[in-house]
Amino acid sequence: MEKLENVTAIAKANVYFDGKVVSHTIYTADGDRKTLGLFLPGDYEFGTGDAEIMDIIDGVCQVRLPGTTEYIEIKAGETFNLPGNSKFGFRCYVPVQYVCSYIPLS
């Protein structure tokens, strides 16, 4: 995913972990919500509200999916899915860029 067209972008950034994780929210023409972001090297734990599809655009990371104890490697061009109302671990040793697509819970 190199280019997103016909979107509305929110100028104010979402900033987490003292600026080590930063994203911007966009809305597609259909009203779908996405975030475009960057993880700087570190070890993080996040929670989800809605279900999420995470597309890794650049870099390599390790993800501990909900309900598991082991980390799996995810590389640029790969995707992982997260259920709503869950927690996951994320760590990286290089900067990682991503696009997160949100799937509202019914």
PDB file of N, CA and C in Angstrom:
ATOM      1  N   MET A   1       0.863  -1.163   0.000  1.00  0.00           N
ATOM      2  CA  MET A   1       0.000   0.000   0.000  1.00  0.00           C
ATOM      3  C   MET A   1       0.911   1.227   0.000  1.00  0.00           C
ATOM      4  N   GLU A   2       1.039   1.855  -1.142  1.00  0.00           N
ATOM      5  CA  GLU A   2       1.923   3.003  -1.237  1.00  0.00           C
ATOM      6  C   GLU A   2       1.183   4.323  -1.216  1.00  0.00           C
ATOM      7  N   LYS A   3      -0.070   4.318  -1.668  1.00  0.00           N
ATOM      8  CA  LYS A   3      -0.789   5.580  -1.806  1.00  0.00           C
ATOM      9  C   LYS A   3      -2.253   5.387  -1.423  1.00  0.00           C
ATOM     10  N   LEU A   4      -2.760   6.293  -0.618  1.00  0.00           N
ATOM     11  CA  LEU A   4      -4.176   6.303  -0.256  1.00  0.00           C
ATOM     12  C   LEU A   4      -4.775   7.580  -0.829  1.00  0.00           C
ATOM     13  N   GLU A   5      -5.831   7.446  -1.602  1.00  0.00           N
ATOM     14  CA  GLU A   5      -6.439   8.607  -2.249  1.00  0.00           C
ATOM     15  C   GLU A   5      -7.804   8.901  -1.656  1.00  0.00           C
ATOM     16  N   ASN A   6      -8.244  10.152  -1.837  1.00  0.00           N
ATOM     17  CA  ASN A   6      -9.571  10.596  -1.402  1.00  0.00           C
ATOM     18  C   ASN A   6      -9.803  10.321   0.077  1.00  0.00           C
ATOM     19  N   VAL A   7      -8.899  10.819   0.911  1.00  0.00           N
ATOM     20  CA  VAL A   7      -9.017  10.636   2.351  1.00  0.00           C
ATOM     21  C   VAL A   7      -9.072  11.984   3.052  1.00  0.00           C
ATOM     22  N   THR A   8      -9.608  11.970   4.261  1.00  0.00           N
ATOM     23  CA  THR A   8      -9.577  13.123   5.153  1.00  0.00           C
ATOM     24  C   THR A   8      -8.591  12.791   6.259  1.00  0.00           C
ATOM     25  N   ALA A   9      -7.620  13.666   6.464  1.00  0.00           N
ATOM     26  CA  ALA A   9      -6.579  13.424   7.468  1.00  0.00           C
ATOM     27  C   ALA A   9      -6.789  14.317   8.678  1.00  0.00           C
ATOM     28  N   ILE A  10      -6.575  13.776   9.850  1.00  0.00           N
ATOM     29  CA  ILE A  10      -6.601  14.535  11.095  1.00  0.00           C
ATOM     30  C   ILE A  10      -5.175  15.021  11.348  1.00  0.00           C
ATOM     31  N   ALA A  11      -5.006  16.337  11.466  1.00  0.00           N
ATOM     32  CA  ALA A  11      -3.663  16.913  11.572  1.00  0.00           C
ATOM     33  C   ALA A  11      -2.966  16.554  12.880  1.00  0.00           C
ATOM     34  N   LYS A  12      -3.703  16.520  13.982  1.00  0.00           N
ATOM     35  CA  LYS A  12      -3.074  16.250  15.271  1.00  0.00           C
ATOM     36  C   LYS A  12      -2.687  14.778  15.370  1.00  0.00           C
ATOM     37  N   ALA A  13      -1.446  14.536  15.735  1.00  0.00           N
ATOM     38  CA  ALA A  13      -0.926  13.172  15.828  1.00  0.00           C
ATOM     39  C   ALA A  13      -1.413  12.467  17.089  1.00  0.00           C
ATOM     40  N   ASN A  14      -1.478  11.143  16.999  1.00  0.00           N
ATOM     41  CA  ASN A  14      -1.674  10.272  18.159  1.00  0.00           C
ATOM     42  C   ASN A  14      -0.267   9.912  18.630  1.00  0.00           C
ATOM     43  N   VAL A  15       0.090  10.295  19.837  1.00  0.00           N
ATOM     44  CA  VAL A  15       1.457  10.110  20.327  1.00  0.00           C
ATOM     45  C   VAL A  15       1.428   9.212  21.565  1.00  0.00           C
ATOM     46  N   TYR A  16       2.224   8.148  21.531  1.00  0.00           N
ATOM     47  CA  TYR A  16       2.283   7.175  22.624  1.00  0.00           C
ATOM     48  C   TYR A  16       3.734   6.955  23.043  1.00  0.00           C
ATOM     49  N   PHE A  17       3.923   6.482  24.261  1.00  0.00           N
ATOM     50  CA  PHE A  17       5.243   6.092  24.761  1.00  0.00           C
ATOM     51  C   PHE A  17       6.278   7.196  24.549  1.00  0.00           C
ATOM     52  N   ASP A  18       5.931   8.403  25.026  1.00  0.00           N
ATOM     53  CA  ASP A  18       6.857   9.541  24.964  1.00  0.00           C
ATOM     54  C   ASP A  18       7.349   9.827  23.549  1.00  0.00           C
ATOM     55  N   GLY A  19       6.469   9.652  22.576  1.00  0.00           N
ATOM     56  CA  GLY A  19       6.810   9.969  21.193  1.00  0.00           C
ATOM     57  C   GLY A  19       7.485   8.852  20.426  1.00  0.00           C
ATOM     58  N   LYS A  20       7.602   7.679  21.021  1.00  0.00           N
ATOM     59  CA  LYS A  20       8.253   6.562  20.328  1.00  0.00           C
ATOM     60  C   LYS A  20       7.317   5.845  19.366  1.00  0.00           C
ATOM     61  N   VAL A  21       6.006   6.087  19.519  1.00  0.00           N
ATOM     62  CA  VAL A  21       5.007   5.565  18.590  1.00  0.00           C
ATOM     63  C   VAL A  21       4.097   6.734  18.238  1.00  0.00           C
ATOM     64  N   VAL A  22       4.015   7.039  16.940  1.00  0.00           N
ATOM     65  CA  VAL A  22       3.235   8.189  16.481  1.00  0.00           C
ATOM     66  C   VAL A  22       2.417   7.764  15.268  1.00  0.00           C
ATOM     67  N   SER A  23       1.162   8.205  15.229  1.00  0.00           N
ATOM     68  CA  SER A  23       0.324   7.912  14.065  1.00  0.00           C
ATOM     69  C   SER A  23      -0.588   9.091  13.776  1.00  0.00           C
ATOM     70  N   HIS A  24      -1.143   9.086  12.567  1.00  0.00           N
ATOM     71  CA  HIS A  24      -2.152  10.055  12.163  1.00  0.00           C
ATOM     72  C   HIS A  24      -3.379   9.287  11.694  1.00  0.00           C
ATOM     73  N   THR A  25      -4.551   9.768  12.081  1.00  0.00           N
ATOM     74  CA  THR A  25      -5.806   9.143  11.693  1.00  0.00           C
ATOM     75  C   THR A  25      -6.268   9.716  10.368  1.00  0.00           C
ATOM     76  N   ILE A  26      -6.751   8.827   9.503  1.00  0.00           N
ATOM     77  CA  ILE A  26      -7.376   9.252   8.256  1.00  0.00           C
ATOM     78  C   ILE A  26      -8.720   8.542   8.131  1.00  0.00           C
ATOM     79  N   TYR A  27      -9.601   9.141   7.327  1.00  0.00           N
ATOM     80  CA  TYR A  27     -10.892   8.540   7.005  1.00  0.00           C
ATOM     81  C   TYR A  27     -10.994   8.433   5.493  1.00  0.00           C
ATOM     82  N   THR A  28     -11.395   7.262   5.015  1.00  0.00           N
ATOM     83  CA  THR A  28     -11.562   7.068   3.578  1.00  0.00           C
ATOM     84  C   THR A  28     -12.865   7.716   3.125  1.00  0.00           C
ATOM     85  N   ALA A  29     -13.054   7.781   1.818  1.00  0.00           N
ATOM     86  CA  ALA A  29     -14.287   8.346   1.264  1.00  0.00           C
ATOM     87  C   ALA A  29     -15.507   7.562   1.735  1.00  0.00           C
ATOM     88  N   ASP A  30     -15.330   6.274   2.051  1.00  0.00           N
ATOM     89  CA  ASP A  30     -16.425   5.431   2.548  1.00  0.00           C
ATOM     90  C   ASP A  30     -16.632   5.561   4.051  1.00  0.00           C
ATOM     91  N   GLY A  31     -15.792   6.373   4.714  1.00  0.00           N
ATOM     92  CA  GLY A  31     -15.919   6.569   6.153  1.00  0.00           C
ATOM     93  C   GLY A  31     -15.116   5.600   6.999  1.00  0.00           C
ATOM     94  N   ASP A  32     -14.343   4.727   6.360  1.00  0.00           N
ATOM     95  CA  ASP A  32     -13.509   3.788   7.118  1.00  0.00           C
ATOM     96  C   ASP A  32     -12.373   4.540   7.801  1.00  0.00           C
ATOM     97  N   ARG A  33     -12.038   4.135   9.020  1.00  0.00           N
ATOM     98  CA  ARG A  33     -10.963   4.778   9.786  1.00  0.00           C
ATOM     99  C   ARG A  33      -9.691   3.950   9.688  1.00  0.00           C
ATOM    100  N   LYS A  34      -8.583   4.648   9.482  1.00  0.00           N
ATOM    101  CA  LYS A  34      -7.263   4.023   9.432  1.00  0.00           C
ATOM    102  C   LYS A  34      -6.286   4.926  10.168  1.00  0.00           C
ATOM    103  N   THR A  35      -5.171   4.356  10.606  1.00  0.00           N
ATOM    104  CA  THR A  35      -4.071   5.176  11.098  1.00  0.00           C
ATOM    105  C   THR A  35      -2.819   4.802  10.325  1.00  0.00           C
ATOM    106  N   LEU A  36      -2.004   5.820  10.054  1.00  0.00           N
ATOM    107  CA  LEU A  36      -0.704   5.649   9.412  1.00  0.00           C
ATOM    108  C   LEU A  36       0.318   5.985  10.470  1.00  0.00           C
ATOM    109  N   GLY A  37       1.229   5.069  10.759  1.00  0.00           N
ATOM    110  CA  GLY A  37       2.096   5.342  11.891  1.00  0.00           C
ATOM    111  C   GLY A  37       3.492   4.787  11.791  1.00  0.00           C
ATOM    112  N   LEU A  38       4.251   5.104  12.851  1.00  0.00           N
ATOM    113  CA  LEU A  38       5.651   4.725  12.966  1.00  0.00           C
ATOM    114  C   LEU A  38       5.953   4.289  14.393  1.00  0.00           C
ATOM    115  N   PHE A  39       6.533   3.105  14.528  1.00  0.00           N
ATOM    116  CA  PHE A  39       7.086   2.624  15.795  1.00  0.00           C
ATOM    117  C   PHE A  39       8.592   2.834  15.744  1.00  0.00           C
ATOM    118  N   LEU A  40       9.148   3.535  16.704  1.00  0.00           N
ATOM    119  CA  LEU A  40      10.596   3.573  16.855  1.00  0.00           C
ATOM    120  C   LEU A  40      11.019   2.340  17.645  1.00  0.00           C
ATOM    121  N   PRO A  41      12.279   1.936  17.560  1.00  0.00           N
ATOM    122  CA  PRO A  41      12.703   0.728  18.269  1.00  0.00           C
ATOM    123  C   PRO A  41      12.287   0.746  19.743  1.00  0.00           C
ATOM    124  N   GLY A  42      11.729  -0.383  20.186  1.00  0.00           N
ATOM    125  CA  GLY A  42      11.279  -0.505  21.567  1.00  0.00           C
ATOM    126  C   GLY A  42      10.390  -1.712  21.743  1.00  0.00           C
ATOM    127  N   ASP A  43       9.876  -1.852  22.959  1.00  0.00           N
ATOM    128  CA  ASP A  43       9.020  -2.968  23.351  1.00  0.00           C
ATOM    129  C   ASP A  43       7.747  -2.358  23.920  1.00  0.00           C
ATOM    130  N   TYR A  44       6.591  -2.674  23.324  1.00  0.00           N
ATOM    131  CA  TYR A  44       5.344  -1.994  23.659  1.00  0.00           C
ATOM    132  C   TYR A  44       4.221  -2.996  23.905  1.00  0.00           C
ATOM    133  N   GLU A  45       3.215  -2.555  24.656  1.00  0.00           N
ATOM    134  CA  GLU A  45       1.965  -3.302  24.770  1.00  0.00           C
ATOM    135  C   GLU A  45       0.838  -2.332  24.495  1.00  0.00           C
ATOM    136  N   PHE A  46      -0.062  -2.737  23.612  1.00  0.00           N
ATOM    137  CA  PHE A  46      -1.201  -1.915  23.231  1.00  0.00           C
ATOM    138  C   PHE A  46      -2.487  -2.685  23.471  1.00  0.00           C
ATOM    139  N   GLY A  47      -3.574  -1.950  23.626  1.00  0.00           N
ATOM    140  CA  GLY A  47      -4.904  -2.524  23.690  1.00  0.00           C
ATOM    141  C   GLY A  47      -5.703  -2.091  22.475  1.00  0.00           C
ATOM    142  N   THR A  48      -6.654  -2.915  22.083  1.00  0.00           N
ATOM    143  CA  THR A  48      -7.539  -2.572  20.972  1.00  0.00           C
ATOM    144  C   THR A  48      -8.939  -2.306  21.502  1.00  0.00           C
ATOM    145  N   GLY A  49      -9.670  -1.474  20.807  1.00  0.00           N
ATOM    146  CA  GLY A  49     -11.097  -1.298  21.033  1.00  0.00           C
ATOM    147  C   GLY A  49     -11.806  -2.079  19.937  1.00  0.00           C
ATOM    148  N   ASP A  50     -11.723  -1.536  18.715  1.00  0.00           N
ATOM    149  CA  ASP A  50     -12.234  -2.234  17.536  1.00  0.00           C
ATOM    150  C   ASP A  50     -11.240  -3.306  17.111  1.00  0.00           C
ATOM    151  N   ALA A  51     -11.702  -4.235  16.282  1.00  0.00           N
ATOM    152  CA  ALA A  51     -10.777  -5.177  15.651  1.00  0.00           C
ATOM    153  C   ALA A  51      -9.875  -4.389  14.702  1.00  0.00           C
ATOM    154  N   GLU A  52      -8.672  -4.893  14.469  1.00  0.00           N
ATOM    155  CA  GLU A  52      -7.708  -4.168  13.645  1.00  0.00           C
ATOM    156  C   GLU A  52      -7.012  -5.105  12.663  1.00  0.00           C
ATOM    157  N   ILE A  53      -6.683  -4.557  11.512  1.00  0.00           N
ATOM    158  CA  ILE A  53      -5.816  -5.216  10.540  1.00  0.00           C
ATOM    159  C   ILE A  53      -4.584  -4.339  10.415  1.00  0.00           C
ATOM    160  N   MET A  54      -3.430  -4.878  10.748  1.00  0.00           N
ATOM    161  CA  MET A  54      -2.176  -4.123  10.718  1.00  0.00           C
ATOM    162  C   MET A  54      -1.349  -4.556   9.510  1.00  0.00           C
ATOM    163  N   ASP A  55      -1.108  -3.616   8.606  1.00  0.00           N
ATOM    164  CA  ASP A  55      -0.249  -3.837   7.445  1.00  0.00           C
ATOM    165  C   ASP A  55       1.110  -3.217   7.744  1.00  0.00           C
ATOM    166  N   ILE A  56       2.144  -4.021   7.752  1.00  0.00           N
ATOM    167  CA  ILE A  56       3.492  -3.503   7.981  1.00  0.00           C
ATOM    168  C   ILE A  56       4.031  -3.033   6.630  1.00  0.00           C
ATOM    169  N   ILE A  57       4.357  -1.749   6.554  1.00  0.00           N
ATOM    170  CA  ILE A  57       4.766  -1.118   5.301  1.00  0.00           C
ATOM    171  C   ILE A  57       6.284  -1.116   5.143  1.00  0.00           C
ATOM    172  N   ASP A  58       7.001  -0.939   6.251  1.00  0.00           N
ATOM    173  CA  ASP A  58       8.459  -0.892   6.199  1.00  0.00           C
ATOM    174  C   ASP A  58       9.014  -1.380   7.530  1.00  0.00           C
ATOM    175  N   GLY A  59      10.077  -2.169   7.459  1.00  0.00           N
ATOM    176  CA  GLY A  59      10.719  -2.647   8.679  1.00  0.00           C
ATOM    177  C   GLY A  59      10.337  -4.074   9.023  1.00  0.00           C
ATOM    178  N   VAL A  60      10.821  -4.505  10.169  1.00  0.00           N
ATOM    179  CA  VAL A  60      10.570  -5.852  10.689  1.00  0.00           C
ATOM    180  C   VAL A  60      10.232  -5.718  12.166  1.00  0.00           C
ATOM    181  N   CYS A  61       9.208  -6.446  12.605  1.00  0.00           N
ATOM    182  CA  CYS A  61       8.811  -6.386  14.014  1.00  0.00           C
ATOM    183  C   CYS A  61       8.504  -7.788  14.513  1.00  0.00           C
ATOM    184  N   GLN A  62       8.286  -7.867  15.809  1.00  0.00           N
ATOM    185  CA  GLN A  62       7.835  -9.096  16.439  1.00  0.00           C
ATOM    186  C   GLN A  62       6.550  -8.764  17.184  1.00  0.00           C
ATOM    187  N   VAL A  63       5.555  -9.636  17.026  1.00  0.00           N
ATOM    188  CA  VAL A  63       4.234  -9.397  17.602  1.00  0.00           C
ATOM    189  C   VAL A  63       3.830 -10.592  18.454  1.00  0.00           C
ATOM    190  N   ARG A  64       3.306 -10.304  19.641  1.00  0.00           N
ATOM    191  CA  ARG A  64       2.707 -11.330  20.505  1.00  0.00           C
ATOM    192  C   ARG A  64       1.205 -11.128  20.415  1.00  0.00           C
ATOM    193  N   LEU A  65       0.554 -12.022  19.699  1.00  0.00           N
ATOM    194  CA  LEU A  65      -0.883 -11.901  19.472  1.00  0.00           C
ATOM    195  C   LEU A  65      -1.660 -12.229  20.744  1.00  0.00           C
ATOM    196  N   PRO A  66      -2.885 -11.713  20.855  1.00  0.00           N
ATOM    197  CA  PRO A  66      -3.702 -11.993  22.040  1.00  0.00           C
ATOM    198  C   PRO A  66      -3.868 -13.498  22.259  1.00  0.00           C
ATOM    199  N   GLY A  67      -3.761 -13.903  23.512  1.00  0.00           N
ATOM    200  CA  GLY A  67      -3.945 -15.306  23.859  1.00  0.00           C
ATOM    201  C   GLY A  67      -2.722 -16.177  23.630  1.00  0.00           C
ATOM    202  N   THR A  68      -1.599 -15.561  23.226  1.00  0.00           N
ATOM    203  CA  THR A  68      -0.375 -16.328  23.003  1.00  0.00           C
ATOM    204  C   THR A  68       0.742 -15.775  23.884  1.00  0.00           C
ATOM    205  N   THR A  69       1.809 -16.541  24.012  1.00  0.00           N
ATOM    206  CA  THR A  69       2.956 -16.090  24.802  1.00  0.00           C
ATOM    207  C   THR A  69       4.201 -15.889  23.947  1.00  0.00           C
ATOM    208  N   GLU A  70       4.191 -16.419  22.736  1.00  0.00           N
ATOM    209  CA  GLU A  70       5.355 -16.333  21.849  1.00  0.00           C
ATOM    210  C   GLU A  70       5.214 -15.160  20.881  1.00  0.00           C
ATOM    211  N   TYR A  71       6.330 -14.558  20.557  1.00  0.00           N
ATOM    212  CA  TYR A  71       6.363 -13.505  19.539  1.00  0.00           C
ATOM    213  C   TYR A  71       6.605 -14.134  18.170  1.00  0.00           C
ATOM    214  N   ILE A  72       5.957 -13.588  17.149  1.00  0.00           N
ATOM    215  CA  ILE A  72       6.181 -14.017  15.769  1.00  0.00           C
ATOM    216  C   ILE A  72       6.733 -12.837  14.984  1.00  0.00           C
ATOM    217  N   GLU A  73       7.557 -13.132  13.986  1.00  0.00           N
ATOM    218  CA  GLU A  73       8.150 -12.065  13.180  1.00  0.00           C
ATOM    219  C   GLU A  73       7.220 -11.678  12.042  1.00  0.00           C
ATOM    220  N   ILE A  74       7.052 -10.380  11.858  1.00  0.00           N
ATOM    221  CA  ILE A  74       6.249  -9.830  10.769  1.00  0.00           C
ATOM    222  C   ILE A  74       7.143  -8.859  10.007  1.00  0.00           C
ATOM    223  N   LYS A  75       7.194  -9.007   8.682  1.00  0.00           N
ATOM    224  CA  LYS A  75       8.058  -8.172   7.848  1.00  0.00           C
ATOM    225  C   LYS A  75       7.223  -7.242   6.975  1.00  0.00           C
ATOM    226  N   ALA A  76       7.906  -6.245   6.397  1.00  0.00           N
ATOM    227  CA  ALA A  76       7.255  -5.347   5.442  1.00  0.00           C
ATOM    228  C   ALA A  76       6.540  -6.173   4.375  1.00  0.00           C
ATOM    229  N   GLY A  77       5.306  -5.779   4.069  1.00  0.00           N
ATOM    230  CA  GLY A  77       4.493  -6.499   3.101  1.00  0.00           C
ATOM    231  C   GLY A  77       3.592  -7.543   3.729  1.00  0.00           C
ATOM    232  N   GLU A  78       3.744  -7.774   5.030  1.00  0.00           N
ATOM    233  CA  GLU A  78       2.909  -8.759   5.722  1.00  0.00           C
ATOM    234  C   GLU A  78       1.881  -8.058   6.607  1.00  0.00           C
ATOM    235  N   THR A  79       0.865  -8.812   6.989  1.00  0.00           N
ATOM    236  CA  THR A  79      -0.279  -8.295   7.738  1.00  0.00           C
ATOM    237  C   THR A  79      -0.567  -9.212   8.919  1.00  0.00           C
ATOM    238  N   PHE A  80      -1.091  -8.626   9.995  1.00  0.00           N
ATOM    239  CA  PHE A  80      -1.626  -9.454  11.078  1.00  0.00           C
ATOM    240  C   PHE A  80      -2.935  -8.844  11.559  1.00  0.00           C
ATOM    241  N   ASN A  81      -3.805  -9.697  12.103  1.00  0.00           N
ATOM    242  CA  ASN A  81      -5.139  -9.292  12.549  1.00  0.00           C
ATOM    243  C   ASN A  81      -5.226  -9.334  14.063  1.00  0.00           C
ATOM    244  N   LEU A  82      -5.963  -8.382  14.605  1.00  0.00           N
ATOM    245  CA  LEU A  82      -6.162  -8.303  16.054  1.00  0.00           C
ATOM    246  C   LEU A  82      -7.650  -8.238  16.355  1.00  0.00           C
ATOM    247  N   PRO A  83      -8.125  -9.042  17.300  1.00  0.00           N
ATOM    248  CA  PRO A  83      -9.530  -8.947  17.692  1.00  0.00           C
ATOM    249  C   PRO A  83      -9.779  -7.674  18.493  1.00  0.00           C
ATOM    250  N   GLY A  84     -11.031  -7.278  18.548  1.00  0.00           N
ATOM    251  CA  GLY A  84     -11.395  -6.128  19.363  1.00  0.00           C
ATOM    252  C   GLY A  84     -11.266  -6.435  20.846  1.00  0.00           C
ATOM    253  N   ASN A  85     -11.116  -5.381  21.631  1.00  0.00           N
ATOM    254  CA  ASN A  85     -11.026  -5.499  23.092  1.00  0.00           C
ATOM    255  C   ASN A  85      -9.976  -6.518  23.531  1.00  0.00           C
ATOM    256  N   SER A  86      -8.783  -6.375  22.993  1.00  0.00           N
ATOM    257  CA  SER A  86      -7.699  -7.298  23.335  1.00  0.00           C
ATOM    258  C   SER A  86      -6.399  -6.525  23.542  1.00  0.00           C
ATOM    259  N   LYS A  87      -5.381  -7.228  23.997  1.00  0.00           N
ATOM    260  CA  LYS A  87      -4.047  -6.644  24.188  1.00  0.00           C
ATOM    261  C   LYS A  87      -3.048  -7.448  23.367  1.00  0.00           C
ATOM    262  N   PHE A  88      -2.030  -6.740  22.859  1.00  0.00           N
ATOM    263  CA  PHE A  88      -0.985  -7.418  22.104  1.00  0.00           C
ATOM    264  C   PHE A  88       0.365  -6.775  22.389  1.00  0.00           C
ATOM    265  N   GLY A  89       1.413  -7.568  22.230  1.00  0.00           N
ATOM    266  CA  GLY A  89       2.771  -7.071  22.405  1.00  0.00           C
ATOM    267  C   GLY A  89       3.386  -6.759  21.056  1.00  0.00           C
ATOM    268  N   PHE A  90       4.221  -5.741  21.014  1.00  0.00           N
ATOM    269  CA  PHE A  90       4.880  -5.322  19.771  1.00  0.00           C
ATOM    270  C   PHE A  90       6.289  -4.888  20.122  1.00  0.00           C
ATOM    271  N   ARG A  91       7.274  -5.441  19.427  1.00  0.00           N
ATOM    272  CA  ARG A  91       8.640  -4.971  19.637  1.00  0.00           C
ATOM    273  C   ARG A  91       9.362  -4.911  18.297  1.00  0.00           C
ATOM    274  N   CYS A  92      10.283  -3.960  18.235  1.00  0.00           N
ATOM    275  CA  CYS A  92      11.060  -3.797  17.016  1.00  0.00           C
ATOM    276  C   CYS A  92      12.425  -3.231  17.366  1.00  0.00           C
ATOM    277  N   TYR A  93      13.388  -3.540  16.518  1.00  0.00           N
ATOM    278  CA  TYR A  93      14.766  -3.088  16.708  1.00  0.00           C
ATOM    279  C   TYR A  93      15.168  -2.070  15.649  1.00  0.00           C
ATOM    280  N   VAL A  94      14.283  -1.857  14.679  1.00  0.00           N
ATOM    281  CA  VAL A  94      14.434  -0.836  13.644  1.00  0.00           C
ATOM    282  C   VAL A  94      13.104  -0.095  13.563  1.00  0.00           C
ATOM    283  N   PRO A  95      13.065   1.117  13.013  1.00  0.00           N
ATOM    284  CA  PRO A  95      11.780   1.792  12.839  1.00  0.00           C
ATOM    285  C   PRO A  95      10.848   0.955  11.957  1.00  0.00           C
ATOM    286  N   VAL A  96       9.573   0.929  12.322  1.00  0.00           N
ATOM    287  CA  VAL A  96       8.566   0.163  11.589  1.00  0.00           C
ATOM    288  C   VAL A  96       7.407   1.092  11.240  1.00  0.00           C
ATOM    289  N   GLN A  97       7.065   1.148   9.941  1.00  0.00           N
ATOM    290  CA  GLN A  97       5.919   1.928   9.485  1.00  0.00           C
ATOM    291  C   GLN A  97       4.747   0.985   9.232  1.00  0.00           C
ATOM    292  N   TYR A  98       3.549   1.474   9.505  1.00  0.00           N
ATOM    293  CA  TYR A  98       2.372   0.613   9.374  1.00  0.00           C
ATOM    294  C   TYR A  98       1.143   1.406   8.950  1.00  0.00           C
ATOM    295  N   VAL A  99       0.149   0.667   8.459  1.00  0.00           N
ATOM    296  CA  VAL A  99      -1.203   1.180   8.244  1.00  0.00           C
ATOM    297  C   VAL A  99      -2.126   0.255   9.023  1.00  0.00           C
ATOM    298  N   CYS A 100      -2.924   0.838   9.897  1.00  0.00           N
ATOM    299  CA  CYS A 100      -3.883   0.069  10.690  1.00  0.00           C
ATOM    300  C   CYS A 100      -5.286   0.385  10.203  1.00  0.00           C
ATOM    301  N   SER A 101      -6.045  -0.645   9.847  1.00  0.00           N
ATOM    302  CA  SER A 101      -7.443  -0.497   9.442  1.00  0.00           C
ATOM    303  C   SER A 101      -8.320  -0.999  10.576  1.00  0.00           C
ATOM    304  N   TYR A 102      -9.311  -0.212  10.939  1.00  0.00           N
ATOM    305  CA  TYR A 102     -10.185  -0.542  12.066  1.00  0.00           C
ATOM    306  C   TYR A 102     -11.480  -1.147  11.565  1.00  0.00           C
ATOM    307  N   ILE A 103     -11.929  -2.191  12.248  1.00  0.00           N
ATOM    308  CA  ILE A 103     -13.182  -2.862  11.926  1.00  0.00           C
ATOM    309  C   ILE A 103     -14.086  -2.703  13.137  1.00  0.00           C
ATOM    310  N   PRO A 104     -15.060  -1.791  13.063  1.00  0.00           N
ATOM    311  CA  PRO A 104     -15.909  -1.538  14.233  1.00  0.00           C
ATOM    312  C   PRO A 104     -16.617  -2.799  14.715  1.00  0.00           C
ATOM    313  N   LEU A 105     -16.679  -2.946  16.031  1.00  0.00           N
ATOM    314  CA  LEU A 105     -17.415  -4.060  16.621  1.00  0.00           C
ATOM    315  C   LEU A 105     -18.898  -3.780  16.484  1.00  0.00           C
ATOM    316  N   SER A 106     -19.657  -4.811  16.152  1.00  0.00           N
ATOM    317  CA  SER A 106     -21.112  -4.632  15.977  1.00  0.00           C
ATOM    318  C   SER A 106     -21.821  -4.605  17.299  1.00  0.00           C
TER     319      SER A 106
END
